[in-house]
Amino acid sequence: MSDRKTVPLSWQPSCTPATARRRAQMLTAARDFFAARGVLEVETPMLGLSAVSDPNIDSVHALLELDRGRHRYLHTSPEYRMKRLLCAGYPDIYSICKVFRDGEAGKRHQPEFTMAEWYRKGFGLQDMIRDSCDFITQMLDAQWLPGVVESISYRQAFIRHAGLDPLQADCSALAVTVDADNRLQAAMGDHRDDWLDLVMSRRIAPALAKDRLTVIHHYPASQAMLARICPDDATVADRFEIFLGDVELANGYVELVDADVQWQRWQSDQESRRRKARALLPLDEALIQALRSGMPPCAGVAVGFDRLLMINEQCDDIARVQTFAFERSQGA
């Protein structure tokens, strides 16, 4: 008999009725926002045969006996199927749904969380930034946003807050910026985009204003897996993120509509997975077929709904704004 100690599971919800009521009010406000703009709500399957290729995102696996035990994957975002809807002639669309990501559990991450995602046809980068800021502003209590929105390029943010040019700096310079020791350098290796992400989380985000939204736009082209390369500058992508202080709230971009380029980028992702000894996952060939049929020029964004609720509730733990937080196995 094992002598491993077990911790009894609690049947109690992790958030209060008042917080659940606030969530319901915000969901109503979100749907009102989209209804006023003529954006159609859609539902897409959470379970599919393919997964995202991004080496930094872990998909949750599921096995279905009715399909001879073949692996399926819970979606990390409704993006791929929403794009297939756009290719099929749907108008502007949005989804508010549960999404799943393995390997993430902490104060701001849960394996299961709520995402609001939408797509607007004919929108450019600035159009989508304005739309996203309008949504977030409508969701948050006015007292948390007394300052005006600040917009700054990715390059400007690094120069201002880290003292280096992210388009030029090598891995050694980036390692110095975050005071990386030998162990961290060995673990990170020469994966430059991983170093850029680390500088962003350790140096850039903590320096952002806490009383206003900050839009960081035009990320490096190497971080544009699903975004269009900027027509005016091939070194960057038409991608943006929105922060309140160091809390990332939104990630959006003008969409890549070229099927061949998308497939090439996915293959590059798979090669990166090989180098990092990560499992290779099946790619969504249905999306490639959809893109070949033609997707209208558009922009899209995903917003972490639970994080908006955390701000309104002035809560520093995402588990406390979810009715039932992630339950670990006994003894884990």
Protein backbone atom coordinates (compact mmCIF):
# COMPACT_ATOMS: atom_id res chain seq x y z
CA MET A 1 0.00 0.00 0.00
CA SER A 2 1.39 3.42 -0.94
CA ASP A 3 2.28 5.76 1.93
CA ARG A 4 1.96 8.83 -0.33
CA LYS A 5 -0.10 11.51 1.35
CA THR A 6 -3.27 12.55 -0.41
CA VAL A 7 -5.12 15.81 -0.17
CA PRO A 8 -8.92 15.50 -0.15
CA LEU A 9 -10.60 17.32 -3.00
CA SER A 10 -12.86 20.17 -2.00
CA TRP A 11 -16.37 20.19 -3.40
CA GLN A 12 -16.61 23.94 -2.87
CA PRO A 13 -16.63 26.35 -5.85
CA SER A 14 -13.60 28.58 -6.17
CA CYS A 15 -15.45 31.86 -6.73
CA THR A 16 -18.25 33.59 -4.88
CA PRO A 17 -21.82 34.11 -6.15
CA ALA A 18 -21.02 37.84 -6.44
CA THR A 19 -18.11 37.11 -8.79
CA ALA A 20 -20.26 34.70 -10.80
CA ARG A 21 -22.87 37.46 -11.10
CA ARG A 22 -20.22 39.89 -12.34
CA ARG A 23 -19.10 37.33 -14.95
CA ALA A 24 -22.70 36.99 -16.17
CA GLN A 25 -23.03 40.78 -16.44
CA MET A 26 -19.79 41.01 -18.42
CA LEU A 27 -20.86 38.24 -20.78
CA THR A 28 -24.07 40.15 -21.46
CA ALA A 29 -22.08 43.35 -22.06
CA ALA A 30 -19.76 41.50 -24.43
CA ARG A 31 -22.64 40.18 -26.50
CA ASP A 32 -24.21 43.64 -26.53
CA PHE A 33 -20.91 45.03 -27.86
CA PHE A 34 -20.91 42.64 -30.81
CA ALA A 35 -24.65 42.91 -31.47
CA ALA A 36 -24.32 46.69 -31.78
CA ARG A 37 -21.69 46.13 -34.49
CA GLY A 38 -23.54 43.42 -36.36
CA VAL A 39 -21.02 40.69 -35.49
CA LEU A 40 -22.50 37.19 -35.54
CA GLU A 41 -21.96 34.81 -32.62
CA VAL A 42 -20.82 31.32 -33.66
CA GLU A 43 -19.99 28.07 -31.92
CA THR A 44 -17.25 25.73 -33.13
CA PRO A 45 -16.25 22.26 -31.88
CA MET A 46 -13.80 22.13 -28.99
CA LEU A 47 -12.53 18.70 -30.02
CA GLY A 48 -10.66 18.08 -33.26
CA LEU A 49 -8.21 15.85 -35.14
CA SER A 50 -5.50 18.53 -35.39
CA ALA A 51 -3.59 20.76 -33.00
CA VAL A 52 -1.69 24.03 -33.15
CA SER A 53 1.91 23.78 -34.32
CA ASP A 54 3.24 26.55 -32.04
CA PRO A 55 6.16 25.03 -30.06
CA ASN A 56 5.26 27.21 -27.06
CA ILE A 57 1.67 25.97 -26.74
CA ASP A 58 0.77 22.52 -25.42
CA SER A 59 -2.49 20.99 -26.58
CA VAL A 60 -4.65 18.77 -24.35
CA HIS A 61 -5.09 15.25 -25.77
CA ALA A 62 -8.23 13.14 -25.68
CA LEU A 63 -8.89 9.55 -26.76
CA LEU A 64 -12.21 8.47 -28.24
CA GLU A 65 -12.99 4.76 -28.23
CA LEU A 66 -15.61 5.28 -30.95
CA ASP A 67 -12.76 6.37 -33.24
CA ARG A 68 -10.57 3.35 -32.37
CA GLY A 69 -8.69 5.30 -29.71
CA ARG A 70 -7.35 7.86 -32.16
CA HIS A 71 -5.88 10.98 -30.57
CA ARG A 72 -7.95 14.13 -30.70
CA TYR A 73 -7.16 17.54 -29.28
CA LEU A 74 -9.10 20.13 -27.34
CA HIS A 75 -8.77 23.47 -29.07
CA THR A 76 -6.37 26.09 -27.71
CA SER A 77 -8.40 28.70 -29.60
CA PRO A 78 -11.43 28.60 -31.94
CA GLU A 79 -9.30 30.36 -34.57
CA TYR A 80 -8.85 27.65 -37.19
CA ARG A 81 -12.52 26.75 -37.47
CA MET A 82 -13.61 30.38 -37.34
CA LYS A 83 -11.36 31.06 -40.31
CA ARG A 84 -12.97 28.16 -42.15
CA LEU A 85 -16.32 29.84 -41.54
CA LEU A 86 -14.98 33.08 -43.03
CA CYS A 87 -13.77 31.16 -46.08
CA ALA A 88 -17.28 29.70 -46.40
CA GLY A 89 -18.82 33.15 -46.68
CA TYR A 90 -19.76 33.96 -43.07
CA PRO A 91 -19.89 37.65 -42.10
CA ASP A 92 -17.95 39.19 -39.19
CA ILE A 93 -18.05 36.60 -36.40
CA TYR A 94 -17.20 36.17 -32.73
CA SER A 95 -17.03 33.35 -30.21
CA ILE A 96 -16.92 33.32 -26.42
CA CYS A 97 -15.86 29.85 -25.39
CA LYS A 98 -13.74 27.62 -23.20
CA VAL A 99 -10.26 26.82 -24.50
CA PHE A 100 -7.60 24.44 -23.18
CA ARG A 101 -3.83 24.59 -22.84
CA ASP A 102 -1.61 22.08 -21.10
CA GLY A 103 1.45 23.09 -19.09
CA GLU A 104 -0.08 26.31 -17.77
CA ALA A 105 -1.32 26.59 -14.19
CA GLY A 106 -0.65 29.57 -11.95
CA LYS A 107 -1.96 32.93 -10.81
CA ARG A 108 -2.77 34.02 -14.38
CA HIS A 109 -3.05 30.69 -16.18
CA GLN A 110 -5.39 27.73 -15.94
CA PRO A 111 -5.52 24.72 -18.28
CA GLU A 112 -9.15 25.66 -19.01
CA PHE A 113 -10.20 29.28 -19.43
CA THR A 114 -12.62 31.54 -21.29
CA MET A 115 -11.61 33.37 -24.47
CA ALA A 116 -13.43 35.98 -26.54
CA GLU A 117 -12.30 35.89 -30.16
CA TRP A 118 -13.60 37.78 -33.18
CA TYR A 119 -12.85 38.57 -36.83
CA ARG A 120 -13.68 41.71 -38.82
CA LYS A 121 -13.58 41.71 -42.63
CA GLY A 122 -11.69 44.51 -44.32
CA PHE A 123 -10.08 45.67 -41.08
CA GLY A 124 -6.45 46.79 -41.06
CA LEU A 125 -4.13 46.79 -38.06
CA GLN A 126 -5.23 50.13 -36.61
CA ASP A 127 -8.91 49.28 -37.16
CA MET A 128 -8.51 46.08 -35.16
CA ILE A 129 -6.54 47.79 -32.43
CA ARG A 130 -9.31 50.37 -31.99
CA ASP A 131 -11.99 47.68 -31.98
CA SER A 132 -10.10 45.66 -29.38
CA CYS A 133 -9.46 48.66 -27.12
CA ASP A 134 -13.15 49.63 -27.38
CA PHE A 135 -14.16 46.11 -26.31
CA ILE A 136 -11.77 46.02 -23.36
CA THR A 137 -12.80 49.51 -22.27
CA GLN A 138 -16.46 48.48 -22.35
CA MET A 139 -15.70 45.38 -20.27
CA LEU A 140 -13.64 47.09 -17.55
CA ASP A 141 -14.85 49.46 -14.85
CA ALA A 142 -13.85 53.03 -15.72
CA GLN A 143 -11.89 53.44 -12.48
CA TRP A 144 -9.26 50.95 -13.66
CA LEU A 145 -8.57 52.91 -16.88
CA PRO A 146 -8.11 56.58 -15.96
CA GLY A 147 -5.31 57.08 -18.50
CA VAL A 148 -5.53 57.28 -22.29
CA VAL A 149 -4.42 54.32 -24.41
CA GLU A 150 -0.71 54.32 -25.23
CA SER A 151 0.46 52.76 -28.48
CA ILE A 152 4.10 51.83 -29.03
CA SER A 153 5.90 49.57 -31.48
CA TYR A 154 7.59 46.38 -30.30
CA ARG A 155 10.96 47.85 -31.28
CA GLN A 156 10.30 51.12 -29.43
CA ALA A 157 9.22 49.20 -26.32
CA PHE A 158 12.47 47.21 -26.25
CA ILE A 159 14.64 50.27 -26.83
CA ARG A 160 12.82 52.24 -24.13
CA HIS A 161 12.56 49.58 -21.44
CA ALA A 162 15.42 47.16 -22.20
CA GLY A 163 17.95 49.37 -23.96
CA LEU A 164 18.37 47.21 -27.05
CA ASP A 165 17.01 46.76 -30.55
CA PRO A 166 15.03 43.48 -30.70
CA LEU A 167 15.46 43.28 -34.47
CA GLN A 168 19.26 43.36 -34.16
CA ALA A 169 20.25 41.99 -30.73
CA ASP A 170 21.66 38.46 -30.62
CA CYS A 171 20.92 35.82 -27.98
CA SER A 172 23.93 36.82 -25.88
CA ALA A 173 22.75 40.42 -25.61
CA LEU A 174 19.24 39.29 -24.76
CA ALA A 175 20.60 36.94 -22.08
CA VAL A 176 22.53 39.79 -20.47
CA THR A 177 19.37 41.90 -20.40
CA VAL A 178 17.58 39.36 -18.19
CA ASP A 179 20.70 38.50 -16.12
CA ALA A 180 20.55 34.91 -17.32
CA ASP A 181 22.85 32.50 -15.50
CA ASN A 182 24.65 29.61 -17.20
CA ARG A 183 21.88 27.16 -16.39
CA LEU A 184 19.21 29.33 -18.02
CA GLN A 185 21.41 29.99 -21.04
CA ALA A 186 21.96 26.28 -21.51
CA ALA A 187 18.22 25.61 -21.26
CA MET A 188 17.26 28.41 -23.68
CA GLY A 189 20.02 27.73 -26.19
CA ASP A 190 20.00 29.80 -29.38
CA HIS A 191 16.21 30.04 -29.74
CA ARG A 192 16.11 33.78 -30.31
CA ASP A 193 12.35 34.23 -30.19
CA ASP A 194 12.27 32.45 -26.83
CA TRP A 195 14.81 34.99 -25.55
CA LEU A 196 12.70 37.84 -26.90
CA ASP A 197 9.66 36.44 -25.11
CA LEU A 198 11.64 36.23 -21.88
CA VAL A 199 12.79 39.85 -22.17
CA MET A 200 9.20 40.85 -22.86
CA SER A 201 7.91 39.13 -19.72
CA ARG A 202 10.77 40.18 -17.41
CA ARG A 203 11.71 43.64 -18.59
CA ILE A 204 9.09 45.13 -20.91
CA ALA A 205 5.72 44.12 -19.43
CA PRO A 206 6.61 45.03 -15.80
CA ALA A 207 7.54 48.54 -16.97
CA LEU A 208 4.20 49.27 -18.66
CA ALA A 209 1.74 51.76 -17.16
CA LYS A 210 -0.72 50.29 -14.68
CA ASP A 211 -3.42 52.94 -15.19
CA ARG A 212 -3.94 52.61 -18.94
CA LEU A 213 -4.00 50.17 -21.80
CA THR A 214 -0.72 49.80 -23.67
CA VAL A 215 -0.80 48.54 -27.24
CA ILE A 216 2.45 47.01 -28.47
CA HIS A 217 2.35 46.61 -32.23
CA HIS A 218 4.45 45.32 -35.13
CA TYR A 219 6.07 42.27 -33.60
CA PRO A 220 9.08 40.71 -35.39
CA ALA A 221 8.27 38.80 -38.58
CA SER A 222 9.64 35.66 -36.89
CA GLN A 223 6.69 35.85 -34.46
CA ALA A 224 4.02 36.02 -37.17
CA MET A 225 2.88 32.43 -37.45
CA LEU A 226 -0.71 33.39 -38.37
CA ALA A 227 -0.26 37.09 -39.12
CA ARG A 228 0.41 39.01 -42.31
CA ILE A 229 3.88 40.47 -42.79
CA CYS A 230 3.65 44.26 -42.77
CA PRO A 231 3.42 45.49 -46.39
CA ASP A 232 5.60 48.50 -45.54
CA ASP A 233 8.32 46.67 -43.58
CA ALA A 234 9.12 42.99 -44.14
CA THR A 235 11.04 42.75 -40.84
CA VAL A 236 7.82 43.00 -38.81
CA ALA A 237 4.30 41.55 -38.78
CA ASP A 238 0.92 43.26 -38.54
CA ARG A 239 0.45 41.86 -35.05
CA PHE A 240 -0.32 43.55 -31.72
CA GLU A 241 -0.86 42.78 -28.05
CA ILE A 242 -2.71 44.84 -25.45
CA PHE A 243 -1.60 45.09 -21.83
CA LEU A 244 -2.87 46.67 -18.63
CA GLY A 245 0.27 46.99 -16.57
CA ASP A 246 2.08 43.70 -17.01
CA VAL A 247 -1.13 41.74 -17.66
CA GLU A 248 -1.53 40.67 -21.29
CA LEU A 249 -5.19 40.95 -22.27
CA ALA A 250 -5.29 40.57 -26.06
CA ASN A 251 -3.35 39.19 -29.00
CA GLY A 252 -4.43 40.14 -32.51
CA TYR A 253 -3.29 40.60 -36.08
CA VAL A 254 -4.17 41.16 -39.69
CA GLU A 255 -4.68 37.62 -40.90
CA LEU A 256 -2.44 35.70 -43.25
CA VAL A 257 -4.62 34.49 -46.13
CA ASP A 258 -1.98 32.76 -48.29
CA ALA A 259 -2.32 28.98 -47.93
CA ASP A 260 1.18 28.18 -49.23
CA VAL A 261 2.87 30.61 -46.84
CA GLN A 262 0.78 29.27 -43.95
CA TRP A 263 1.82 25.70 -44.73
CA GLN A 264 5.49 26.74 -44.92
CA ARG A 265 5.24 28.43 -41.54
CA TRP A 266 3.68 25.35 -39.99
CA GLN A 267 6.53 23.24 -41.36
CA SER A 268 8.97 25.69 -39.78
CA ASP A 269 7.12 25.22 -36.50
CA GLN A 270 7.43 21.46 -36.82
CA GLU A 271 11.18 21.81 -37.38
CA SER A 272 11.40 23.95 -34.25
CA ARG A 273 9.54 21.24 -32.35
CA ARG A 274 12.08 18.69 -33.56
CA ARG A 275 14.98 20.84 -32.36
CA LYS A 276 13.34 21.21 -28.97
CA ALA A 277 12.51 17.48 -28.78
CA ARG A 278 8.79 18.31 -28.70
CA ALA A 279 6.13 15.99 -30.09
CA LEU A 280 5.05 16.63 -33.68
CA LEU A 281 1.30 17.18 -33.83
CA PRO A 282 -1.09 16.72 -36.77
CA LEU A 283 -1.70 19.94 -38.70
CA ASP A 284 -5.09 21.29 -39.73
CA GLU A 285 -5.06 20.51 -43.44
CA ALA A 286 -8.75 21.50 -43.63
CA LEU A 287 -7.75 25.08 -42.87
CA ILE A 288 -5.20 25.00 -45.68
CA GLN A 289 -7.89 23.78 -48.06
CA ALA A 290 -10.17 26.55 -46.84
CA LEU A 291 -7.49 29.18 -47.40
CA ARG A 292 -6.95 27.86 -50.92
CA SER A 293 -10.64 28.43 -51.59
CA GLY A 294 -10.12 32.05 -50.57
CA MET A 295 -10.37 33.93 -47.28
CA PRO A 296 -11.41 37.59 -47.35
CA PRO A 297 -8.92 40.18 -46.06
CA CYS A 298 -9.64 40.52 -42.35
CA ALA A 299 -8.19 40.97 -38.90
CA GLY A 300 -8.83 39.02 -35.71
CA VAL A 301 -8.11 39.15 -32.00
CA ALA A 302 -8.36 36.94 -28.94
CA VAL A 303 -9.01 38.38 -25.47
CA GLY A 304 -8.60 36.56 -22.17
CA PHE A 305 -12.05 36.98 -20.60
CA ASP A 306 -11.06 35.67 -17.16
CA ARG A 307 -8.29 38.25 -16.93
CA LEU A 308 -10.79 41.05 -17.58
CA LEU A 309 -12.88 39.68 -14.73
CA MET A 310 -9.79 39.51 -12.51
CA ILE A 311 -9.22 43.23 -13.07
CA ASN A 312 -12.81 44.18 -12.30
CA GLU A 313 -12.74 42.04 -9.16
CA GLN A 314 -9.25 43.27 -8.24
CA CYS A 315 -8.22 39.66 -7.86
CA ASP A 316 -4.67 38.37 -8.37
CA ASP A 317 -5.57 34.70 -8.86
CA ILE A 318 -7.47 33.50 -11.92
CA ALA A 319 -8.79 30.51 -9.96
CA ARG A 320 -10.89 32.87 -7.85
CA VAL A 321 -12.88 34.15 -10.85
CA GLN A 322 -13.70 30.68 -12.19
CA THR A 323 -16.57 28.72 -10.64
CA PHE A 324 -14.38 25.64 -10.36
CA ALA A 325 -10.65 25.95 -10.84
CA PHE A 326 -8.30 23.26 -12.12
CA GLU A 327 -8.46 20.22 -9.84
CA ARG A 328 -5.17 18.37 -9.49
CA SER A 329 -5.14 14.63 -8.97
CA GLN A 330 -4.95 13.53 -5.36
CA GLY A 331 -1.36 13.34 -4.24
CA ALA A 332 -0.12 15.40 -7.21
